[in-house]
């Protein structure tokens, strides 16, 4: 984590971990717009990389987020910590998110067993 921070935070003029938010993003609305734009760019680049290597799995910021939450859940991390990490306001949001993940894990396991 320290290596990530020292690599990227120095590239932002306000020392954010990822270097796409700068001093010019000085309101919540500007920060939100910049994050949306950066996520679109990331997802576009990720799609191009996946297509270039012929990988058939989905690779987006959202799939990474789900994977992160899934790994925490499978490691029996307390739901309060997962909630905080995901930025959810309530545990109900987090439980719904994790329930969604659990359904896909079950479906994938069944499909692998059957096919």
PDB file of N, CA and C in Angstrom:
ATOM      1  N   UNK A   1       0.817  -1.178   0.000  1.00  0.00           N
ATOM      2  CA  UNK A   1       0.000   0.000   0.000  1.00  0.00           C
ATOM      3  C   UNK A   1       0.867   1.250   0.000  1.00  0.00           C
ATOM      4  N   UNK A   2       1.931   1.208   0.791  1.00  0.00           N
ATOM      5  CA  UNK A   2       2.828   2.358   0.853  1.00  0.00           C
ATOM      6  C   UNK A   2       3.448   2.639  -0.507  1.00  0.00           C
ATOM      7  N   UNK A   3       3.813   1.590  -1.234  1.00  0.00           N
ATOM      8  CA  UNK A   3       4.393   1.772  -2.562  1.00  0.00           C
ATOM      9  C   UNK A   3       3.378   2.420  -3.509  1.00  0.00           C
ATOM     10  N   UNK A   4       2.124   1.986  -3.444  1.00  0.00           N
ATOM     11  CA  UNK A   4       1.083   2.592  -4.279  1.00  0.00           C
ATOM     12  C   UNK A   4       0.956   4.069  -3.943  1.00  0.00           C
ATOM     13  N   UNK A   5       0.879   4.367  -2.653  1.00  0.00           N
ATOM     14  CA  UNK A   5       0.717   5.756  -2.238  1.00  0.00           C
ATOM     15  C   UNK A   5       1.896   6.622  -2.681  1.00  0.00           C
ATOM     16  N   UNK A   6       3.106   6.142  -2.447  1.00  0.00           N
ATOM     17  CA  UNK A   6       4.274   6.957  -2.796  1.00  0.00           C
ATOM     18  C   UNK A   6       4.445   7.090  -4.304  1.00  0.00           C
ATOM     19  N   UNK A   7       3.973   6.113  -5.050  1.00  0.00           N
ATOM     20  CA  UNK A   7       4.057   6.190  -6.511  1.00  0.00           C
ATOM     21  C   UNK A   7       3.054   7.175  -7.081  1.00  0.00           C
ATOM     22  N   UNK A   8       1.814   7.120  -6.600  1.00  0.00           N
ATOM     23  CA  UNK A   8       0.759   7.908  -7.215  1.00  0.00           C
ATOM     24  C   UNK A   8       0.448   9.228  -6.524  1.00  0.00           C
ATOM     25  N   UNK A   9       0.538   9.292  -5.232  1.00  0.00           N
ATOM     26  CA  UNK A   9       0.162  10.521  -4.521  1.00  0.00           C
ATOM     27  C   UNK A   9       1.032  11.689  -4.928  1.00  0.00           C
ATOM     28  N   UNK A  10       2.265  11.452  -5.252  1.00  0.00           N
ATOM     29  CA  UNK A  10       3.145  12.544  -5.648  1.00  0.00           C
ATOM     30  C   UNK A  10       2.768  13.127  -7.007  1.00  0.00           C
ATOM     31  N   UNK A  11       1.971  12.409  -7.773  1.00  0.00           N
ATOM     32  CA  UNK A  11       1.557  12.889  -9.083  1.00  0.00           C
ATOM     33  C   UNK A  11       0.335  13.801  -9.007  1.00  0.00           C
ATOM     34  N   UNK A  12      -0.317  13.859  -7.875  1.00  0.00           N
ATOM     35  CA  UNK A  12      -1.479  14.716  -7.676  1.00  0.00           C
ATOM     36  C   UNK A  12      -1.033  15.934  -6.881  1.00  0.00           C
ATOM     37  N   UNK A  13      -1.470  17.113  -7.300  1.00  0.00           N
ATOM     38  CA  UNK A  13      -1.046  18.324  -6.597  1.00  0.00           C
ATOM     39  C   UNK A  13      -1.764  18.512  -5.263  1.00  0.00           C
ATOM     40  N   UNK A  14      -2.647  17.586  -4.912  1.00  0.00           N
ATOM     41  CA  UNK A  14      -3.303  17.619  -3.599  1.00  0.00           C
ATOM     42  C   UNK A  14      -3.091  16.310  -2.847  1.00  0.00           C
ATOM     43  N   UNK A  15      -2.182  15.485  -3.329  1.00  0.00           N
ATOM     44  CA  UNK A  15      -1.757  14.234  -2.703  1.00  0.00           C
ATOM     45  C   UNK A  15      -2.863  13.196  -2.514  1.00  0.00           C
ATOM     46  N   UNK A  16      -3.781  13.124  -3.475  1.00  0.00           N
ATOM     47  CA  UNK A  16      -4.712  12.007  -3.490  1.00  0.00           C
ATOM     48  C   UNK A  16      -3.957  10.768  -3.938  1.00  0.00           C
ATOM     49  N   UNK A  17      -4.448   9.602  -3.576  1.00  0.00           N
ATOM     50  CA  UNK A  17      -3.749   8.373  -3.932  1.00  0.00           C
ATOM     51  C   UNK A  17      -3.674   8.215  -5.454  1.00  0.00           C
ATOM     52  N   UNK A  18      -4.759   8.442  -6.142  1.00  0.00           N
ATOM     53  CA  UNK A  18      -4.736   8.299  -7.590  1.00  0.00           C
ATOM     54  C   UNK A  18      -4.705   9.676  -8.232  1.00  0.00           C
ATOM     55  N   UNK A  19      -3.837   9.841  -9.199  1.00  0.00           N
ATOM     56  CA  UNK A  19      -3.509  11.185  -9.692  1.00  0.00           C
ATOM     57  C   UNK A  19      -4.463  11.757 -10.730  1.00  0.00           C
ATOM     58  N   UNK A  20      -5.747  11.660 -10.483  1.00  0.00           N
ATOM     59  CA  UNK A  20      -6.665  12.268 -11.435  1.00  0.00           C
ATOM     60  C   UNK A  20      -7.535  13.352 -10.794  1.00  0.00           C
ATOM     61  N   UNK A  21      -7.305  13.650  -9.522  1.00  0.00           N
ATOM     62  CA  UNK A  21      -8.001  14.748  -8.856  1.00  0.00           C
ATOM     63  C   UNK A  21      -6.944  15.768  -8.457  1.00  0.00           C
ATOM     64  N   UNK A  22      -7.192  17.018  -8.852  1.00  0.00           N
ATOM     65  CA  UNK A  22      -6.228  18.088  -8.623  1.00  0.00           C
ATOM     66  C   UNK A  22      -6.891  19.254  -7.901  1.00  0.00           C
ATOM     67  N   UNK A  23      -6.118  20.261  -7.595  1.00  0.00           N
ATOM     68  CA  UNK A  23      -6.623  21.439  -6.885  1.00  0.00           C
ATOM     69  C   UNK A  23      -7.809  22.067  -7.602  1.00  0.00           C
ATOM     70  N   UNK A  24      -7.814  21.982  -8.910  1.00  0.00           N
ATOM     71  CA  UNK A  24      -8.918  22.572  -9.679  1.00  0.00           C
ATOM     72  C   UNK A  24     -10.258  21.899  -9.386  1.00  0.00           C
ATOM     73  N   UNK A  25     -10.214  20.688  -8.857  1.00  0.00           N
ATOM     74  CA  UNK A  25     -11.441  19.978  -8.483  1.00  0.00           C
ATOM     75  C   UNK A  25     -11.758  20.346  -7.032  1.00  0.00           C
ATOM     76  N   UNK A  26     -12.226  21.570  -6.859  1.00  0.00           N
ATOM     77  CA  UNK A  26     -12.344  22.151  -5.524  1.00  0.00           C
ATOM     78  C   UNK A  26     -13.756  22.164  -4.952  1.00  0.00           C
ATOM     79  N   UNK A  27     -14.671  21.475  -5.610  1.00  0.00           N
ATOM     80  CA  UNK A  27     -16.022  21.323  -5.064  1.00  0.00           C
ATOM     81  C   UNK A  27     -16.415  19.855  -5.181  1.00  0.00           C
ATOM     82  N   UNK A  28     -17.390  19.464  -4.396  1.00  0.00           N
ATOM     83  CA  UNK A  28     -17.860  18.071  -4.444  1.00  0.00           C
ATOM     84  C   UNK A  28     -18.365  17.725  -5.842  1.00  0.00           C
ATOM     85  N   UNK A  29     -19.040  18.663  -6.480  1.00  0.00           N
ATOM     86  CA  UNK A  29     -19.569  18.420  -7.822  1.00  0.00           C
ATOM     87  C   UNK A  29     -18.430  18.186  -8.825  1.00  0.00           C
ATOM     88  N   UNK A  30     -17.362  18.976  -8.732  1.00  0.00           N
ATOM     89  CA  UNK A  30     -16.221  18.803  -9.637  1.00  0.00           C
ATOM     90  C   UNK A  30     -15.492  17.493  -9.365  1.00  0.00           C
ATOM     91  N   UNK A  31     -15.353  17.128  -8.103  1.00  0.00           N
ATOM     92  CA  UNK A  31     -14.704  15.857  -7.754  1.00  0.00           C
ATOM     93  C   UNK A  31     -15.532  14.695  -8.288  1.00  0.00           C
ATOM     94  N   UNK A  32     -16.845  14.731  -8.078  1.00  0.00           N
ATOM     95  CA  UNK A  32     -17.716  13.657  -8.578  1.00  0.00           C
ATOM     96  C   UNK A  32     -17.638  13.540 -10.099  1.00  0.00           C
ATOM     97  N   UNK A  33     -17.660  14.684 -10.788  1.00  0.00           N
ATOM     98  CA  UNK A  33     -17.586  14.670 -12.255  1.00  0.00           C
ATOM     99  C   UNK A  33     -16.248  14.091 -12.713  1.00  0.00           C
ATOM    100  N   UNK A  34     -15.177  14.435 -12.034  1.00  0.00           N
ATOM    101  CA  UNK A  34     -13.853  13.937 -12.406  1.00  0.00           C
ATOM    102  C   UNK A  34     -13.746  12.437 -12.150  1.00  0.00           C
ATOM    103  N   UNK A  35     -14.288  11.980 -11.041  1.00  0.00           N
ATOM    104  CA  UNK A  35     -14.272  10.543 -10.751  1.00  0.00           C
ATOM    105  C   UNK A  35     -15.067   9.789 -11.817  1.00  0.00           C
ATOM    106  N   UNK A  36     -16.249  10.298 -12.175  1.00  0.00           N
ATOM    107  CA  UNK A  36     -17.051   9.660 -13.224  1.00  0.00           C
ATOM    108  C   UNK A  36     -16.265   9.575 -14.528  1.00  0.00           C
ATOM    109  N   UNK A  37     -15.613  10.659 -14.888  1.00  0.00           N
ATOM    110  CA  UNK A  37     -14.832  10.704 -16.122  1.00  0.00           C
ATOM    111  C   UNK A  37     -13.664   9.715 -16.069  1.00  0.00           C
ATOM    112  N   UNK A  38     -12.966   9.679 -14.931  1.00  0.00           N
ATOM    113  CA  UNK A  38     -11.832   8.765 -14.783  1.00  0.00           C
ATOM    114  C   UNK A  38     -12.291   7.308 -14.839  1.00  0.00           C
ATOM    115  N   UNK A  39     -13.444   7.006 -14.231  1.00  0.00           N
ATOM    116  CA  UNK A  39     -13.962   5.634 -14.278  1.00  0.00           C
ATOM    117  C   UNK A  39     -14.335   5.230 -15.701  1.00  0.00           C
ATOM    118  N   UNK A  40     -14.925   6.159 -16.451  1.00  0.00           N
ATOM    119  CA  UNK A  40     -15.251   5.859 -17.855  1.00  0.00           C
ATOM    120  C   UNK A  40     -13.979   5.573 -18.637  1.00  0.00           C
ATOM    121  N   UNK A  41     -12.952   6.402 -18.418  1.00  0.00           N
ATOM    122  CA  UNK A  41     -11.667   6.187 -19.097  1.00  0.00           C
ATOM    123  C   UNK A  41     -11.073   4.838 -18.708  1.00  0.00           C
ATOM    124  N   UNK A  42     -11.094   4.530 -17.411  1.00  0.00           N
ATOM    125  CA  UNK A  42     -10.552   3.254 -16.929  1.00  0.00           C
ATOM    126  C   UNK A  42     -11.280   2.083 -17.571  1.00  0.00           C
ATOM    127  N   UNK A  43     -12.613   2.134 -17.560  1.00  0.00           N
ATOM    128  CA  UNK A  43     -13.399   1.026 -18.102  1.00  0.00           C
ATOM    129  C   UNK A  43     -13.177   0.862 -19.606  1.00  0.00           C
ATOM    130  N   UNK A  44     -13.023   1.971 -20.315  1.00  0.00           N
ATOM    131  CA  UNK A  44     -12.735   1.913 -21.747  1.00  0.00           C
ATOM    132  C   UNK A  44     -11.372   1.259 -21.984  1.00  0.00           C
ATOM    133  N   UNK A  45     -10.369   1.684 -21.227  1.00  0.00           N
ATOM    134  CA  UNK A  45      -9.027   1.104 -21.354  1.00  0.00           C
ATOM    135  C   UNK A  45      -9.022  -0.370 -20.956  1.00  0.00           C
ATOM    136  N   UNK A  46      -9.735  -0.706 -19.880  1.00  0.00           N
ATOM    137  CA  UNK A  46      -9.802  -2.095 -19.421  1.00  0.00           C
ATOM    138  C   UNK A  46     -10.440  -2.982 -20.485  1.00  0.00           C
ATOM    139  N   UNK A  47     -11.501  -2.493 -21.116  1.00  0.00           N
ATOM    140  CA  UNK A  47     -12.169  -3.257 -22.172  1.00  0.00           C
ATOM    141  C   UNK A  47     -11.217  -3.499 -23.339  1.00  0.00           C
ATOM    142  N   UNK A  48     -10.462  -2.483 -23.706  1.00  0.00           N
ATOM    143  CA  UNK A  48      -9.499  -2.627 -24.809  1.00  0.00           C
ATOM    144  C   UNK A  48      -8.416  -3.643 -24.455  1.00  0.00           C
ATOM    145  N   UNK A  49      -7.940  -3.613 -23.208  1.00  0.00           N
ATOM    146  CA  UNK A  49      -6.906  -4.564 -22.789  1.00  0.00           C
ATOM    147  C   UNK A  49      -7.445  -5.997 -22.807  1.00  0.00           C
ATOM    148  N   UNK A  50      -8.648  -6.179 -22.293  1.00  0.00           N
ATOM    149  CA  UNK A  50      -9.261  -7.510 -22.251  1.00  0.00           C
ATOM    150  C   UNK A  50      -9.459  -8.046 -23.666  1.00  0.00           C
ATOM    151  N   UNK A  51      -9.940  -7.197 -24.567  1.00  0.00           N
ATOM    152  CA  UNK A  51     -10.134  -7.617 -25.954  1.00  0.00           C
ATOM    153  C   UNK A  51      -8.795  -7.946 -26.619  1.00  0.00           C
ATOM    154  N   UNK A  52      -7.758  -7.175 -26.307  1.00  0.00           N
ATOM    155  CA  UNK A  52      -6.443  -7.380 -26.920  1.00  0.00           C
ATOM    156  C   UNK A  52      -5.837  -8.731 -26.547  1.00  0.00           C
ATOM    157  N   UNK A  53      -6.111  -9.203 -25.347  1.00  0.00           N
ATOM    158  CA  UNK A  53      -5.538 -10.484 -24.923  1.00  0.00           C
ATOM    159  C   UNK A  53      -6.518 -11.640 -25.082  1.00  0.00           C
ATOM    160  N   UNK A  54      -7.748 -11.329 -25.496  1.00  0.00           N
ATOM    161  CA  UNK A  54      -8.732 -12.380 -25.723  1.00  0.00           C
ATOM    162  C   UNK A  54      -9.320 -12.971 -24.464  1.00  0.00           C
ATOM    163  N   UNK A  55      -9.269 -12.215 -23.377  1.00  0.00           N
ATOM    164  CA  UNK A  55      -9.819 -12.679 -22.110  1.00  0.00           C
ATOM    165  C   UNK A  55     -11.327 -12.568 -22.161  1.00  0.00           C
ATOM    166  N   UNK A  56     -12.046 -13.580 -21.725  1.00  0.00           N
ATOM    167  CA  UNK A  56     -13.496 -13.578 -21.848  1.00  0.00           C
ATOM    168  C   UNK A  56     -14.227 -13.096 -20.601  1.00  0.00           C
ATOM    169  N   UNK A  57     -13.502 -12.852 -19.536  1.00  0.00           N
ATOM    170  CA  UNK A  57     -14.149 -12.386 -18.305  1.00  0.00           C
ATOM    171  C   UNK A  57     -14.344 -10.875 -18.346  1.00  0.00           C
ATOM    172  N   UNK A  58     -15.337 -10.416 -17.603  1.00  0.00           N
ATOM    173  CA  UNK A  58     -15.595  -8.983 -17.514  1.00  0.00           C
ATOM    174  C   UNK A  58     -14.553  -8.333 -16.606  1.00  0.00           C
ATOM    175  N   UNK A  59     -14.021  -7.213 -17.036  1.00  0.00           N
ATOM    176  CA  UNK A  59     -13.018  -6.497 -16.259  1.00  0.00           C
ATOM    177  C   UNK A  59     -13.349  -5.017 -16.289  1.00  0.00           C
ATOM    178  N   UNK A  60     -14.041  -4.561 -15.247  1.00  0.00           N
ATOM    179  CA  UNK A  60     -14.414  -3.157 -15.120  1.00  0.00           C
ATOM    180  C   UNK A  60     -14.150  -2.718 -13.694  1.00  0.00           C
ATOM    181  N   UNK A  61     -14.264  -1.436 -13.458  1.00  0.00           N
ATOM    182  CA  UNK A  61     -14.100  -0.939 -12.092  1.00  0.00           C
ATOM    183  C   UNK A  61     -15.143  -1.573 -11.179  1.00  0.00           C
ATOM    184  N   UNK A  62     -16.335  -1.792 -11.691  1.00  0.00           N
ATOM    185  CA  UNK A  62     -17.390  -2.388 -10.882  1.00  0.00           C
ATOM    186  C   UNK A  62     -17.090  -3.855 -10.571  1.00  0.00           C
ATOM    187  N   UNK A  63     -16.559  -4.588 -11.548  1.00  0.00           N
ATOM    188  CA  UNK A  63     -16.231  -5.992 -11.275  1.00  0.00           C
ATOM    189  C   UNK A  63     -15.079  -6.087 -10.273  1.00  0.00           C
ATOM    190  N   UNK A  64     -14.143  -5.154 -10.333  1.00  0.00           N
ATOM    191  CA  UNK A  64     -13.067  -5.124  -9.342  1.00  0.00           C
ATOM    192  C   UNK A  64     -13.619  -4.817  -7.954  1.00  0.00           C
ATOM    193  N   UNK A  65     -14.574  -3.900  -7.895  1.00  0.00           N
ATOM    194  CA  UNK A  65     -15.199  -3.532  -6.619  1.00  0.00           C
ATOM    195  C   UNK A  65     -15.929  -4.737  -6.028  1.00  0.00           C
ATOM    196  N   UNK A  66     -16.676  -5.455  -6.879  1.00  0.00           N
ATOM    197  CA  UNK A  66     -17.378  -6.648  -6.416  1.00  0.00           C
ATOM    198  C   UNK A  66     -16.388  -7.710  -5.952  1.00  0.00           C
ATOM    199  N   UNK A  67     -15.315  -7.882  -6.710  1.00  0.00           N
ATOM    200  CA  UNK A  67     -14.303  -8.859  -6.330  1.00  0.00           C
ATOM    201  C   UNK A  67     -13.657  -8.520  -4.999  1.00  0.00           C
ATOM    202  N   UNK A  68     -13.355  -7.249  -4.796  1.00  0.00           N
ATOM    203  CA  UNK A  68     -12.778  -6.778  -3.535  1.00  0.00           C
ATOM    204  C   UNK A  68     -13.710  -7.099  -2.370  1.00  0.00           C
ATOM    205  N   UNK A  69     -14.992  -6.740  -2.521  1.00  0.00           N
ATOM    206  CA  UNK A  69     -15.974  -7.000  -1.462  1.00  0.00           C
ATOM    207  C   UNK A  69     -16.140  -8.498  -1.230  1.00  0.00           C
ATOM    208  N   UNK A  70     -16.136  -9.264  -2.304  1.00  0.00           N
ATOM    209  CA  UNK A  70     -16.285 -10.709  -2.194  1.00  0.00           C
ATOM    210  C   UNK A  70     -15.131 -11.329  -1.422  1.00  0.00           C
ATOM    211  N   UNK A  71     -13.914 -10.902  -1.734  1.00  0.00           N
ATOM    212  CA  UNK A  71     -12.744 -11.430  -1.022  1.00  0.00           C
ATOM    213  C   UNK A  71     -12.783 -11.076   0.462  1.00  0.00           C
ATOM    214  N   UNK A  72     -13.183  -9.853   0.766  1.00  0.00           N
ATOM    215  CA  UNK A  72     -13.311  -9.474   2.178  1.00  0.00           C
ATOM    216  C   UNK A  72     -14.356 -10.335   2.870  1.00  0.00           C
ATOM    217  N   UNK A  73     -15.487 -10.529   2.222  1.00  0.00           N
ATOM    218  CA  UNK A  73     -16.571 -11.321   2.793  1.00  0.00           C
ATOM    219  C   UNK A  73     -16.131 -12.770   2.999  1.00  0.00           C
ATOM    220  N   UNK A  74     -15.462 -13.349   1.997  1.00  0.00           N
ATOM    221  CA  UNK A  74     -15.005 -14.733   2.095  1.00  0.00           C
ATOM    222  C   UNK A  74     -13.938 -14.905   3.174  1.00  0.00           C
ATOM    223  N   UNK A  75     -13.223 -13.814   3.487  1.00  0.00           N
ATOM    224  CA  UNK A  75     -12.203 -13.854   4.542  1.00  0.00           C
ATOM    225  C   UNK A  75     -12.807 -13.543   5.911  1.00  0.00           C
ATOM    226  N   UNK A  76     -14.140 -13.509   5.964  1.00  0.00           N
ATOM    227  CA  UNK A  76     -14.878 -13.245   7.199  1.00  0.00           C
ATOM    228  C   UNK A  76     -14.554 -11.889   7.830  1.00  0.00           C
ATOM    229  N   UNK A  77     -14.288 -10.901   6.993  1.00  0.00           N
ATOM    230  CA  UNK A  77     -14.091  -9.542   7.481  1.00  0.00           C
ATOM    231  C   UNK A  77     -15.441  -9.021   7.959  1.00  0.00           C
ATOM    232  N   UNK A  78     -15.442  -8.340   9.079  1.00  0.00           N
ATOM    233  CA  UNK A  78     -16.669  -7.800   9.655  1.00  0.00           C
ATOM    234  C   UNK A  78     -17.385  -6.907   8.645  1.00  0.00           C
ATOM    235  N   UNK A  79     -18.705  -7.044   8.591  1.00  0.00           N
ATOM    236  CA  UNK A  79     -19.504  -6.288   7.620  1.00  0.00           C
ATOM    237  C   UNK A  79     -19.348  -4.772   7.800  1.00  0.00           C
ATOM    238  N   UNK A  80     -19.090  -4.318   9.015  1.00  0.00           N
ATOM    239  CA  UNK A  80     -18.884  -2.884   9.240  1.00  0.00           C
ATOM    240  C   UNK A  80     -17.647  -2.384   8.497  1.00  0.00           C
ATOM    241  N   UNK A  81     -16.629  -3.205   8.451  1.00  0.00           N
ATOM    242  CA  UNK A  81     -15.404  -2.823   7.741  1.00  0.00           C
ATOM    243  C   UNK A  81     -15.650  -2.825   6.237  1.00  0.00           C
ATOM    244  N   UNK A  82     -16.357  -3.830   5.743  1.00  0.00           N
ATOM    245  CA  UNK A  82     -16.693  -3.880   4.315  1.00  0.00           C
ATOM    246  C   UNK A  82     -17.555  -2.678   3.950  1.00  0.00           C
ATOM    247  N   UNK A  83     -18.517  -2.366   4.791  1.00  0.00           N
ATOM    248  CA  UNK A  83     -19.392  -1.213   4.571  1.00  0.00           C
ATOM    249  C   UNK A  83     -18.554   0.061   4.421  1.00  0.00           C
ATOM    250  N   UNK A  84     -17.636   0.261   5.327  1.00  0.00           N
ATOM    251  CA  UNK A  84     -16.787   1.455   5.294  1.00  0.00           C
ATOM    252  C   UNK A  84     -15.909   1.464   4.046  1.00  0.00           C
ATOM    253  N   UNK A  85     -15.347   0.316   3.709  1.00  0.00           N
ATOM    254  CA  UNK A  85     -14.467   0.231   2.543  1.00  0.00           C
ATOM    255  C   UNK A  85     -15.208   0.541   1.245  1.00  0.00           C
ATOM    256  N   UNK A  86     -16.478   0.151   1.186  1.00  0.00           N
ATOM    257  CA  UNK A  86     -17.276   0.398  -0.016  1.00  0.00           C
ATOM    258  C   UNK A  86     -17.936   1.767  -0.020  1.00  0.00           C
ATOM    259  N   UNK A  87     -17.934   2.432   1.130  1.00  0.00           N
ATOM    260  CA  UNK A  87     -18.553   3.747   1.215  1.00  0.00           C
ATOM    261  C   UNK A  87     -20.068   3.699   1.301  1.00  0.00           C
ATOM    262  N   UNK A  88     -20.602   2.580   1.761  1.00  0.00           N
ATOM    263  CA  UNK A  88     -22.053   2.464   1.914  1.00  0.00           C
ATOM    264  C   UNK A  88     -22.506   3.171   3.190  1.00  0.00           C
ATOM    265  N   UNK A  89     -23.681   3.761   3.126  1.00  0.00           N
ATOM    266  CA  UNK A  89     -24.209   4.455   4.299  1.00  0.00           C
ATOM    267  C   UNK A  89     -24.801   3.506   5.322  1.00  0.00           C
ATOM    268  N   UNK A  90     -25.325   2.372   4.853  1.00  0.00           N
ATOM    269  CA  UNK A  90     -25.964   1.435   5.775  1.00  0.00           C
ATOM    270  C   UNK A  90     -25.442   0.018   5.548  1.00  0.00           C
ATOM    271  N   UNK A  91     -25.586  -0.803   6.588  1.00  0.00           N
ATOM    272  CA  UNK A  91     -25.219  -2.213   6.443  1.00  0.00           C
ATOM    273  C   UNK A  91     -26.174  -2.925   5.499  1.00  0.00           C
ATOM    274  N   UNK A  92     -27.402  -2.444   5.397  1.00  0.00           N
ATOM    275  CA  UNK A  92     -28.359  -3.050   4.477  1.00  0.00           C
ATOM    276  C   UNK A  92     -27.851  -2.947   3.042  1.00  0.00           C
ATOM    277  N   UNK A  93     -27.288  -1.786   2.668  1.00  0.00           N
ATOM    278  CA  UNK A  93     -26.716  -1.642   1.325  1.00  0.00           C
ATOM    279  C   UNK A  93     -25.607  -2.665   1.111  1.00  0.00           C
ATOM    280  N   UNK A  94     -24.754  -2.799   2.107  1.00  0.00           N
ATOM    281  CA  UNK A  94     -23.626  -3.722   1.994  1.00  0.00           C
ATOM    282  C   UNK A  94     -24.113  -5.158   1.920  1.00  0.00           C
ATOM    283  N   UNK A  95     -25.092  -5.522   2.759  1.00  0.00           N
ATOM    284  CA  UNK A  95     -25.624  -6.884   2.726  1.00  0.00           C
ATOM    285  C   UNK A  95     -26.260  -7.179   1.367  1.00  0.00           C
ATOM    286  N   UNK A  96     -26.975  -6.221   0.805  1.00  0.00           N
ATOM    287  CA  UNK A  96     -27.582  -6.402  -0.509  1.00  0.00           C
ATOM    288  C   UNK A  96     -26.489  -6.606  -1.555  1.00  0.00           C
ATOM    289  N   UNK A  97     -25.435  -5.815  -1.472  1.00  0.00           N
ATOM    290  CA  UNK A  97     -24.294  -5.930  -2.381  1.00  0.00           C
ATOM    291  C   UNK A  97     -23.646  -7.307  -2.265  1.00  0.00           C
ATOM    292  N   UNK A  98     -23.440  -7.768  -1.035  1.00  0.00           N
ATOM    293  CA  UNK A  98     -22.826  -9.076  -0.810  1.00  0.00           C
ATOM    294  C   UNK A  98     -23.759 -10.206  -1.212  1.00  0.00           C
ATOM    295  N   UNK A  99     -25.065 -10.042  -1.001  1.00  0.00           N
ATOM    296  CA  UNK A  99     -26.029 -11.056  -1.443  1.00  0.00           C
ATOM    297  C   UNK A  99     -25.949 -11.223  -2.949  1.00  0.00           C
ATOM    298  N   UNK A 100     -25.815 -10.095  -3.661  1.00  0.00           N
ATOM    299  CA  UNK A 100     -25.677 -10.124  -5.116  1.00  0.00           C
ATOM    300  C   UNK A 100     -24.431 -10.917  -5.502  1.00  0.00           C
ATOM    301  N   UNK A 101     -23.350 -10.692  -4.803  1.00  0.00           N
ATOM    302  CA  UNK A 101     -22.114 -11.410  -5.076  1.00  0.00           C
ATOM    303  C   UNK A 101     -22.307 -12.899  -4.808  1.00  0.00           C
ATOM    304  N   UNK A 102     -22.912 -13.220  -3.676  1.00  0.00           N
ATOM    305  CA  UNK A 102     -23.108 -14.629  -3.318  1.00  0.00           C
ATOM    306  C   UNK A 102     -23.916 -15.369  -4.379  1.00  0.00           C
ATOM    307  N   UNK A 103     -24.937 -14.737  -4.919  1.00  0.00           N
ATOM    308  CA  UNK A 103     -25.748 -15.365  -5.955  1.00  0.00           C
ATOM    309  C   UNK A 103     -24.910 -15.713  -7.169  1.00  0.00           C
ATOM    310  N   UNK A 104     -24.038 -14.806  -7.566  1.00  0.00           N
ATOM    311  CA  UNK A 104     -23.208 -15.061  -8.739  1.00  0.00           C
ATOM    312  C   UNK A 104     -22.188 -16.163  -8.466  1.00  0.00           C
ATOM    313  N   UNK A 105     -21.649 -16.193  -7.269  1.00  0.00           N
ATOM    314  CA  UNK A 105     -20.693 -17.244  -6.919  1.00  0.00           C
ATOM    315  C   UNK A 105     -21.366 -18.606  -6.990  1.00  0.00           C
ATOM    316  N   UNK A 106     -22.586 -18.679  -6.464  1.00  0.00           N
ATOM    317  CA  UNK A 106     -23.349 -19.932  -6.498  1.00  0.00           C
ATOM    318  C   UNK A 106     -23.658 -20.330  -7.939  1.00  0.00           C
ATOM    319  N   UNK A 107     -24.120 -19.373  -8.731  1.00  0.00           N
ATOM    320  CA  UNK A 107     -24.437 -19.641 -10.132  1.00  0.00           C
ATOM    321  C   UNK A 107     -23.198 -20.118 -10.882  1.00  0.00           C
ATOM    322  N   UNK A 108     -22.082 -19.446 -10.693  1.00  0.00           N
ATOM    323  CA  UNK A 108     -20.837 -19.842 -11.372  1.00  0.00           C
ATOM    324  C   UNK A 108     -20.427 -21.256 -10.971  1.00  0.00           C
ATOM    325  N   UNK A 109     -20.536 -21.565  -9.671  1.00  0.00           N
ATOM    326  CA  UNK A 109     -20.153 -22.891  -9.208  1.00  0.00           C
ATOM    327  C   UNK A 109     -21.044 -23.967  -9.828  1.00  0.00           C
ATOM    328  N   UNK A 110     -22.335 -23.695  -9.897  1.00  0.00           N
ATOM    329  CA  UNK A 110     -23.273 -24.660 -10.498  1.00  0.00           C
ATOM    330  C   UNK A 110     -22.960 -24.841 -11.984  1.00  0.00           C
ATOM    331  N   UNK A 111     -22.754 -23.723 -12.676  1.00  0.00           N
ATOM    332  CA  UNK A 111     -22.451 -23.801 -14.112  1.00  0.00           C
ATOM    333  C   UNK A 111     -21.160 -24.572 -14.376  1.00  0.00           C
ATOM    334  N   UNK A 112     -20.149 -24.366 -13.548  1.00  0.00           N
ATOM    335  CA  UNK A 112     -18.891 -25.096 -13.726  1.00  0.00           C
ATOM    336  C   UNK A 112     -19.093 -26.581 -13.477  1.00  0.00           C
ATOM    337  N   UNK A 113     -19.922 -26.923 -12.517  1.00  0.00           N
ATOM    338  CA  UNK A 113     -20.173 -28.325 -12.217  1.00  0.00           C
ATOM    339  C   UNK A 113     -20.975 -29.013 -13.309  1.00  0.00           C
ATOM    340  N   UNK A 114     -21.899 -28.265 -13.918  1.00  0.00           N
ATOM    341  CA  UNK A 114     -22.770 -28.852 -14.936  1.00  0.00           C
ATOM    342  C   UNK A 114     -22.148 -28.891 -16.326  1.00  0.00           C
ATOM    343  N   UNK A 115     -21.301 -27.945 -16.607  1.00  0.00           N
ATOM    344  CA  UNK A 115     -20.767 -27.841 -17.975  1.00  0.00           C
ATOM    345  C   UNK A 115     -19.322 -28.149 -17.939  1.00  0.00           C
TER     346      UNK A 115
END
